Amino acid sequence: GATSLPSKPWEYSVVLTERWRLVNSDQQSL
């Protein structure tokens, strides 16, 4: 819904490795 400015770092991102997922949605979770 584009509720946030697109220029914000981290927000609505996920960093993936073979084992891990660092999810940044409502909060940062591993």
PDB file of all heavy atoms in Angstrom:
ATOM      1  N   GLY A   1       0.789  -1.226   0.000  1.00  0.00           N
ATOM      2  CA  GLY A   1       0.000   0.000   0.000  1.00  0.00           C
ATOM      3  C   GLY A   1       0.817   1.269   0.000  1.00  0.00           C
ATOM      4  O   GLY A   1       0.265   2.369   0.082  1.00  0.00           O
ATOM      5  N   ALA A   2       2.134   1.156  -0.092  1.00  0.00           N
ATOM      6  CA  ALA A   2       3.031   2.317  -0.127  1.00  0.00           C
ATOM      7  C   ALA A   2       2.762   3.250   1.047  1.00  0.00           C
ATOM      8  O   ALA A   2       2.759   4.469   0.902  1.00  0.00           O
ATOM      9  CB  ALA A   2       2.891   3.066  -1.457  1.00  0.00           C
ATOM     10  N   THR A   3       2.544   2.665   2.215  1.00  0.00           N
ATOM     11  CA  THR A   3       2.204   3.469   3.389  1.00  0.00           C
ATOM     12  C   THR A   3       3.403   4.189   3.980  1.00  0.00           C
ATOM     13  O   THR A   3       3.244   5.061   4.843  1.00  0.00           O
ATOM     14  CB  THR A   3       1.577   2.577   4.465  1.00  0.00           C
ATOM     15  OG1 THR A   3       2.481   1.494   4.751  1.00  0.00           O
ATOM     16  CG2 THR A   3       0.247   1.999   3.984  1.00  0.00           C
ATOM     17  N   SER A   4       4.588   3.836   3.538  1.00  0.00           N
ATOM     18  CA  SER A   4       5.812   4.423   4.079  1.00  0.00           C
ATOM     19  C   SER A   4       6.635   5.020   2.949  1.00  0.00           C
ATOM     20  O   SER A   4       6.488   4.631   1.782  1.00  0.00           O
ATOM     21  CB  SER A   4       6.621   3.341   4.808  1.00  0.00           C
ATOM     22  OG  SER A   4       7.849   3.853   5.275  1.00  0.00           O
ATOM     23  N   LEU A   5       7.505   5.932   3.272  1.00  0.00           N
ATOM     24  CA  LEU A   5       8.413   6.481   2.268  1.00  0.00           C
ATOM     25  C   LEU A   5       9.332   5.378   1.756  1.00  0.00           C
ATOM     26  O   LEU A   5       9.902   4.616   2.553  1.00  0.00           O
ATOM     27  CB  LEU A   5       9.247   7.611   2.865  1.00  0.00           C
ATOM     28  CG  LEU A   5       8.507   8.916   3.173  1.00  0.00           C
ATOM     29  CD1 LEU A   5       9.420   9.852   3.966  1.00  0.00           C
ATOM     30  CD2 LEU A   5       8.036   9.591   1.888  1.00  0.00           C
ATOM     31  N   PRO A   6       9.512   5.252   0.449  1.00  0.00           N
ATOM     32  CA  PRO A   6      10.357   4.178  -0.077  1.00  0.00           C
ATOM     33  C   PRO A   6      11.827   4.349   0.231  1.00  0.00           C
ATOM     34  O   PRO A   6      12.613   3.416   0.073  1.00  0.00           O
ATOM     35  CB  PRO A   6      10.102   4.247  -1.584  1.00  0.00           C
ATOM     36  CG  PRO A   6       9.654   5.641  -1.844  1.00  0.00           C
ATOM     37  CD  PRO A   6       8.896   6.054  -0.613  1.00  0.00           C
ATOM     38  N   SER A   7      12.212   5.538   0.671  1.00  0.00           N
ATOM     39  CA  SER A   7      13.633   5.815   0.893  1.00  0.00           C
ATOM     40  C   SER A   7      14.104   5.467   2.295  1.00  0.00           C
ATOM     41  O   SER A   7      15.179   5.898   2.710  1.00  0.00           O
ATOM     42  CB  SER A   7      13.904   7.297   0.627  1.00  0.00           C
ATOM     43  OG  SER A   7      13.064   8.119   1.433  1.00  0.00           O
ATOM     44  N   LYS A   8      13.332   4.692   3.040  1.00  0.00           N
ATOM     45  CA  LYS A   8      13.734   4.316   4.390  1.00  0.00           C
ATOM     46  C   LYS A   8      14.573   3.048   4.351  1.00  0.00           C
ATOM     47  O   LYS A   8      14.151   2.027   3.808  1.00  0.00           O
ATOM     48  CB  LYS A   8      12.496   4.084   5.266  1.00  0.00           C
ATOM     49  CG  LYS A   8      11.766   5.343   5.683  1.00  0.00           C
ATOM     50  CD  LYS A   8      10.665   5.019   6.677  1.00  0.00           C
ATOM     51  CE  LYS A   8       9.967   6.278   7.167  1.00  0.00           C
ATOM     52  NZ  LYS A   8       8.904   5.954   8.154  1.00  0.00           N
ATOM     53  N   PRO A   9      15.754   3.060   4.956  1.00  0.00           N
ATOM     54  CA  PRO A   9      16.544   1.823   5.024  1.00  0.00           C
ATOM     55  C   PRO A   9      15.881   0.813   5.940  1.00  0.00           C
ATOM     56  O   PRO A   9      15.108   1.168   6.835  1.00  0.00           O
ATOM     57  CB  PRO A   9      17.882   2.307   5.576  1.00  0.00           C
ATOM     58  CG  PRO A   9      17.562   3.547   6.335  1.00  0.00           C
ATOM     59  CD  PRO A   9      16.422   4.196   5.617  1.00  0.00           C
ATOM     60  N   TRP A  10      16.174  -0.452   5.693  1.00  0.00           N
ATOM     61  CA  TRP A  10      15.744  -1.596   6.494  1.00  0.00           C
ATOM     62  C   TRP A  10      14.268  -1.938   6.334  1.00  0.00           C
ATOM     63  O   TRP A  10      13.901  -3.112   6.339  1.00  0.00           O
ATOM     64  CB  TRP A  10      16.036  -1.378   7.989  1.00  0.00           C
ATOM     65  CG  TRP A  10      17.483  -1.387   8.317  1.00  0.00           C
ATOM     66  CD1 TRP A  10      18.258  -0.331   8.680  1.00  0.00           C
ATOM     67  CD2 TRP A  10      18.360  -2.515   8.293  1.00  0.00           C
ATOM     68  NE1 TRP A  10      19.565  -0.716   8.878  1.00  0.00           N
ATOM     69  CE2 TRP A  10      19.642  -2.066   8.654  1.00  0.00           C
ATOM     70  CE3 TRP A  10      18.175  -3.869   7.997  1.00  0.00           C
ATOM     71  CZ2 TRP A  10      20.735  -2.907   8.731  1.00  0.00           C
ATOM     72  CZ3 TRP A  10      19.270  -4.710   8.079  1.00  0.00           C
ATOM     73  CH2 TRP A  10      20.527  -4.238   8.435  1.00  0.00           C
ATOM     74  N   GLU A  11      13.405  -0.947   6.214  1.00  0.00           N
ATOM     75  CA  GLU A  11      11.972  -1.206   6.303  1.00  0.00           C
ATOM     76  C   GLU A  11      11.508  -2.167   5.207  1.00  0.00           C
ATOM     77  O   GLU A  11      11.839  -2.004   4.040  1.00  0.00           O
ATOM     78  CB  GLU A  11      11.203   0.112   6.217  1.00  0.00           C
ATOM     79  CG  GLU A  11       9.798   0.012   6.747  1.00  0.00           C
ATOM     80  CD  GLU A  11       9.155   1.381   6.903  1.00  0.00           C
ATOM     81  OE1 GLU A  11       9.211   2.176   5.960  1.00  0.00           O
ATOM     82  OE2 GLU A  11       8.593   1.646   7.989  1.00  0.00           O
ATOM     83  N   TYR A  12      10.719  -3.160   5.582  1.00  0.00           N
ATOM     84  CA  TYR A  12      10.174  -4.177   4.684  1.00  0.00           C
ATOM     85  C   TYR A  12      11.280  -4.846   3.858  1.00  0.00           C
ATOM     86  O   TYR A  12      11.183  -4.964   2.644  1.00  0.00           O
ATOM     87  CB  TYR A  12       9.095  -3.582   3.774  1.00  0.00           C
ATOM     88  CG  TYR A  12       7.972  -2.931   4.543  1.00  0.00           C
ATOM     89  CD1 TYR A  12       7.830  -1.548   4.575  1.00  0.00           C
ATOM     90  CD2 TYR A  12       7.077  -3.704   5.261  1.00  0.00           C
ATOM     91  CE1 TYR A  12       6.814  -0.950   5.316  1.00  0.00           C
ATOM     92  CE2 TYR A  12       6.055  -3.113   6.003  1.00  0.00           C
ATOM     93  CZ  TYR A  12       5.933  -1.742   6.019  1.00  0.00           C
ATOM     94  OH  TYR A  12       4.931  -1.162   6.755  1.00  0.00           O
ATOM     95  N   SER A  13      12.305  -5.265   4.552  1.00  0.00           N
ATOM     96  CA  SER A  13      13.415  -5.943   3.882  1.00  0.00           C
ATOM     97  C   SER A  13      13.638  -7.307   4.517  1.00  0.00           C
ATOM     98  O   SER A  13      13.157  -7.593   5.623  1.00  0.00           O
ATOM     99  CB  SER A  13      14.705  -5.113   3.977  1.00  0.00           C
ATOM    100  OG  SER A  13      15.189  -5.077   5.309  1.00  0.00           O
ATOM    101  N   VAL A  14      14.359  -8.159   3.799  1.00  0.00           N
ATOM    102  CA  VAL A  14      14.788  -9.435   4.341  1.00  0.00           C
ATOM    103  C   VAL A  14      16.184  -9.715   3.804  1.00  0.00           C
ATOM    104  O   VAL A  14      16.444  -9.541   2.612  1.00  0.00           O
ATOM    105  CB  VAL A  14      13.803 -10.575   4.005  1.00  0.00           C
ATOM    106  CG1 VAL A  14      13.553 -10.684   2.520  1.00  0.00           C
ATOM    107  CG2 VAL A  14      14.297 -11.915   4.547  1.00  0.00           C
ATOM    108  N   VAL A  15      17.086 -10.090   4.693  1.00  0.00           N
ATOM    109  CA  VAL A  15      18.429 -10.510   4.321  1.00  0.00           C
ATOM    110  C   VAL A  15      18.461 -12.031   4.433  1.00  0.00           C
ATOM    111  O   VAL A  15      18.135 -12.594   5.488  1.00  0.00           O
ATOM    112  CB  VAL A  15      19.499  -9.877   5.231  1.00  0.00           C
ATOM    113  CG1 VAL A  15      20.895 -10.262   4.751  1.00  0.00           C
ATOM    114  CG2 VAL A  15      19.346  -8.360   5.266  1.00  0.00           C
ATOM    115  N   LEU A  16      18.859 -12.689   3.350  1.00  0.00           N
ATOM    116  CA  LEU A  16      18.794 -14.142   3.271  1.00  0.00           C
ATOM    117  C   LEU A  16      20.193 -14.743   3.171  1.00  0.00           C
ATOM    118  O   LEU A  16      21.038 -14.232   2.421  1.00  0.00           O
ATOM    119  CB  LEU A  16      17.990 -14.593   2.042  1.00  0.00           C
ATOM    120  CG  LEU A  16      16.573 -14.079   1.834  1.00  0.00           C
ATOM    121  CD1 LEU A  16      16.582 -12.743   1.070  1.00  0.00           C
ATOM    122  CD2 LEU A  16      15.749 -15.086   1.044  1.00  0.00           C
ATOM    123  N   THR A  17      20.416 -15.830   3.888  1.00  0.00           N
ATOM    124  CA  THR A  17      21.558 -16.717   3.677  1.00  0.00           C
ATOM    125  C   THR A  17      20.995 -18.125   3.549  1.00  0.00           C
ATOM    126  O   THR A  17      19.781 -18.339   3.628  1.00  0.00           O
ATOM    127  CB  THR A  17      22.572 -16.647   4.825  1.00  0.00           C
ATOM    128  OG1 THR A  17      21.991 -17.232   6.004  1.00  0.00           O
ATOM    129  CG2 THR A  17      22.991 -15.215   5.103  1.00  0.00           C
ATOM    130  N   GLU A  18      21.881 -19.097   3.373  1.00  0.00           N
ATOM    131  CA  GLU A  18      21.404 -20.474   3.281  1.00  0.00           C
ATOM    132  C   GLU A  18      20.644 -20.886   4.545  1.00  0.00           C
ATOM    133  O   GLU A  18      19.668 -21.625   4.476  1.00  0.00           O
ATOM    134  CB  GLU A  18      22.586 -21.430   3.078  1.00  0.00           C
ATOM    135  CG  GLU A  18      23.411 -21.168   1.832  1.00  0.00           C
ATOM    136  CD  GLU A  18      22.695 -21.574   0.552  1.00  0.00           C
ATOM    137  OE1 GLU A  18      21.716 -22.332   0.648  1.00  0.00           O
ATOM    138  OE2 GLU A  18      23.120 -21.134  -0.531  1.00  0.00           O
ATOM    139  N   ARG A  19      21.055 -20.370   5.680  1.00  0.00           N
ATOM    140  CA  ARG A  19      20.436 -20.757   6.946  1.00  0.00           C
ATOM    141  C   ARG A  19      19.481 -19.710   7.495  1.00  0.00           C
ATOM    142  O   ARG A  19      18.413 -20.052   8.014  1.00  0.00           O
ATOM    143  CB  ARG A  19      21.526 -21.046   7.997  1.00  0.00           C
ATOM    144  CG  ARG A  19      20.957 -21.449   9.349  1.00  0.00           C
ATOM    145  CD  ARG A  19      22.063 -21.646  10.394  1.00  0.00           C
ATOM    146  NE  ARG A  19      21.495 -21.984  11.695  1.00  0.00           N
ATOM    147  CZ  ARG A  19      22.192 -22.115  12.820  1.00  0.00           C
ATOM    148  NH1 ARG A  19      23.513 -21.946  12.794  1.00  0.00           N
ATOM    149  NH2 ARG A  19      21.589 -22.408  13.960  1.00  0.00           N
ATOM    150  N   TRP A  20      19.834 -18.431   7.377  1.00  0.00           N
ATOM    151  CA  TRP A  20      19.139 -17.392   8.129  1.00  0.00           C
ATOM    152  C   TRP A  20      18.232 -16.528   7.257  1.00  0.00           C
ATOM    153  O   TRP A  20      18.472 -16.340   6.073  1.00  0.00           O
ATOM    154  CB  TRP A  20      20.142 -16.488   8.845  1.00  0.00           C
ATOM    155  CG  TRP A  20      21.005 -17.168   9.851  1.00  0.00           C
ATOM    156  CD1 TRP A  20      22.338 -17.447   9.736  1.00  0.00           C
ATOM    157  CD2 TRP A  20      20.599 -17.660  11.130  1.00  0.00           C
ATOM    158  NE1 TRP A  20      22.798 -18.077  10.866  1.00  0.00           N
ATOM    159  CE2 TRP A  20      21.734 -18.224  11.745  1.00  0.00           C
ATOM    160  CE3 TRP A  20      19.382 -17.678  11.819  1.00  0.00           C
ATOM    161  CZ2 TRP A  20      21.704 -18.790  13.011  1.00  0.00           C
ATOM    162  CZ3 TRP A  20      19.339 -18.251  13.082  1.00  0.00           C
ATOM    163  CH2 TRP A  20      20.489 -18.801  13.662  1.00  0.00           C
ATOM    164  N   ARG A  21      17.206 -15.960   7.904  1.00  0.00           N
ATOM    165  CA  ARG A  21      16.385 -14.901   7.326  1.00  0.00           C
ATOM    166  C   ARG A  21      16.274 -13.791   8.377  1.00  0.00           C
ATOM    167  O   ARG A  21      15.729 -14.008   9.465  1.00  0.00           O
ATOM    168  CB  ARG A  21      14.980 -15.395   6.975  1.00  0.00           C
ATOM    169  CG  ARG A  21      14.931 -16.567   6.009  1.00  0.00           C
ATOM    170  CD  ARG A  21      15.360 -16.166   4.593  1.00  0.00           C
ATOM    171  NE  ARG A  21      15.095 -17.223   3.635  1.00  0.00           N
ATOM    172  CZ  ARG A  21      15.988 -18.119   3.220  1.00  0.00           C
ATOM    173  NH1 ARG A  21      17.237 -18.074   3.714  1.00  0.00           N
ATOM    174  NH2 ARG A  21      15.674 -19.040   2.346  1.00  0.00           N
ATOM    175  N   LEU A  22      16.808 -12.615   8.045  1.00  0.00           N
ATOM    176  CA  LEU A  22      16.657 -11.446   8.909  1.00  0.00           C
ATOM    177  C   LEU A  22      15.526 -10.609   8.324  1.00  0.00           C
ATOM    178  O   LEU A  22      15.694  -9.951   7.299  1.00  0.00           O
ATOM    179  CB  LEU A  22      17.948 -10.636   8.981  1.00  0.00           C
ATOM    180  CG  LEU A  22      17.886  -9.347   9.816  1.00  0.00           C
ATOM    181  CD1 LEU A  22      17.531  -9.649  11.267  1.00  0.00           C
ATOM    182  CD2 LEU A  22      19.199  -8.578   9.717  1.00  0.00           C
ATOM    183  N   VAL A  23      14.368 -10.654   8.971  1.00  0.00           N
ATOM    184  CA  VAL A  23      13.148 -10.037   8.450  1.00  0.00           C
ATOM    185  C   VAL A  23      12.905  -8.711   9.165  1.00  0.00           C
ATOM    186  O   VAL A  23      12.918  -8.644  10.408  1.00  0.00           O
ATOM    187  CB  VAL A  23      11.935 -10.965   8.638  1.00  0.00           C
ATOM    188  CG1 VAL A  23      10.651 -10.274   8.172  1.00  0.00           C
ATOM    189  CG2 VAL A  23      12.143 -12.269   7.868  1.00  0.00           C
ATOM    190  N   ASN A  24      12.692  -7.676   8.399  1.00  0.00           N
ATOM    191  CA  ASN A  24      12.389  -6.350   8.939  1.00  0.00           C
ATOM    192  C   ASN A  24      10.997  -5.955   8.470  1.00  0.00           C
ATOM    193  O   ASN A  24      10.812  -5.362   7.412  1.00  0.00           O
ATOM    194  CB  ASN A  24      13.414  -5.322   8.462  1.00  0.00           C
ATOM    195  CG  ASN A  24      14.802  -5.633   8.977  1.00  0.00           C
ATOM    196  OD1 ASN A  24      15.172  -5.228  10.064  1.00  0.00           O
ATOM    197  ND2 ASN A  24      15.563  -6.394   8.191  1.00  0.00           N
ATOM    198  N   SER A  25      10.002  -6.322   9.256  1.00  0.00           N
ATOM    199  CA  SER A  25       8.621  -5.971   8.937  1.00  0.00           C
ATOM    200  C   SER A  25       8.134  -5.042  10.039  1.00  0.00           C
ATOM    201  O   SER A  25       8.586  -3.906  10.134  1.00  0.00           O
ATOM    202  CB  SER A  25       7.767  -7.247   8.832  1.00  0.00           C
ATOM    203  OG  SER A  25       6.459  -6.932   8.414  1.00  0.00           O
ATOM    204  N   ASP A  26       7.221  -5.485  10.894  1.00  0.00           N
ATOM    205  CA  ASP A  26       6.835  -4.639  12.028  1.00  0.00           C
ATOM    206  C   ASP A  26       7.984  -4.490  13.013  1.00  0.00           C
ATOM    207  O   ASP A  26       8.093  -3.492  13.722  1.00  0.00           O
ATOM    208  CB  ASP A  26       5.612  -5.236  12.727  1.00  0.00           C
ATOM    209  CG  ASP A  26       4.391  -5.236  11.841  1.00  0.00           C
ATOM    210  OD1 ASP A  26       4.309  -4.353  10.970  1.00  0.00           O
ATOM    211  OD2 ASP A  26       3.532  -6.119  12.005  1.00  0.00           O
ATOM    212  N   GLN A  27       8.817  -5.512  13.090  1.00  0.00           N
ATOM    213  CA  GLN A  27      10.005  -5.467  13.928  1.00  0.00           C
ATOM    214  C   GLN A  27      11.072  -6.326  13.270  1.00  0.00           C
ATOM    215  O   GLN A  27      10.807  -7.035  12.315  1.00  0.00           O
ATOM    216  CB  GLN A  27       9.690  -5.998  15.327  1.00  0.00           C
ATOM    217  CG  GLN A  27       9.199  -7.441  15.340  1.00  0.00           C
ATOM    218  CD  GLN A  27       8.811  -7.920  16.722  1.00  0.00           C
ATOM    219  OE1 GLN A  27       8.574  -7.118  17.617  1.00  0.00           O
ATOM    220  NE2 GLN A  27       8.755  -9.219  16.908  1.00  0.00           N
ATOM    221  N   GLN A  28      12.293  -6.250  13.757  1.00  0.00           N
ATOM    222  CA  GLN A  28      13.377  -7.039  13.203  1.00  0.00           C
ATOM    223  C   GLN A  28      13.422  -8.398  13.888  1.00  0.00           C
ATOM    224  O   GLN A  28      13.494  -8.476  15.120  1.00  0.00           O
ATOM    225  CB  GLN A  28      14.706  -6.310  13.366  1.00  0.00           C
ATOM    226  CG  GLN A  28      15.838  -6.948  12.591  1.00  0.00           C
ATOM    227  CD  GLN A  28      17.070  -6.059  12.583  1.00  0.00           C
ATOM    228  OE1 GLN A  28      17.848  -6.067  13.519  1.00  0.00           O
ATOM    229  NE2 GLN A  28      17.239  -5.290  11.512  1.00  0.00           N
ATOM    230  N   SER A  29      13.357  -9.464  13.076  1.00  0.00           N
ATOM    231  CA  SER A  29      13.322 -10.821  13.611  1.00  0.00           C
ATOM    232  C   SER A  29      14.290 -11.692  12.836  1.00  0.00           C
ATOM    233  O   SER A  29      14.510 -11.497  11.637  1.00  0.00           O
ATOM    234  CB  SER A  29      11.914 -11.409  13.521  1.00  0.00           C
ATOM    235  OG  SER A  29      10.958 -10.563  14.139  1.00  0.00           O
ATOM    236  N   LEU A  30      14.840 -12.702  13.504  1.00  0.00           N
ATOM    237  CA  LEU A  30      15.820 -13.615  12.912  1.00  0.00           C
ATOM    238  C   LEU A  30      15.274 -15.042  12.967  1.00  0.00           C
ATOM    239  O   LEU A  30      14.844 -15.509  14.034  1.00  0.00           O
ATOM    240  CB  LEU A  30      17.140 -13.535  13.676  1.00  0.00           C
ATOM    241  CG  LEU A  30      18.270 -14.442  13.189  1.00  0.00           C
ATOM    242  CD1 LEU A  30      18.784 -13.982  11.820  1.00  0.00           C
ATOM    243  CD2 LEU A  30      19.410 -14.463  14.209  1.00  0.00           C
TER     244      LEU A  30
END
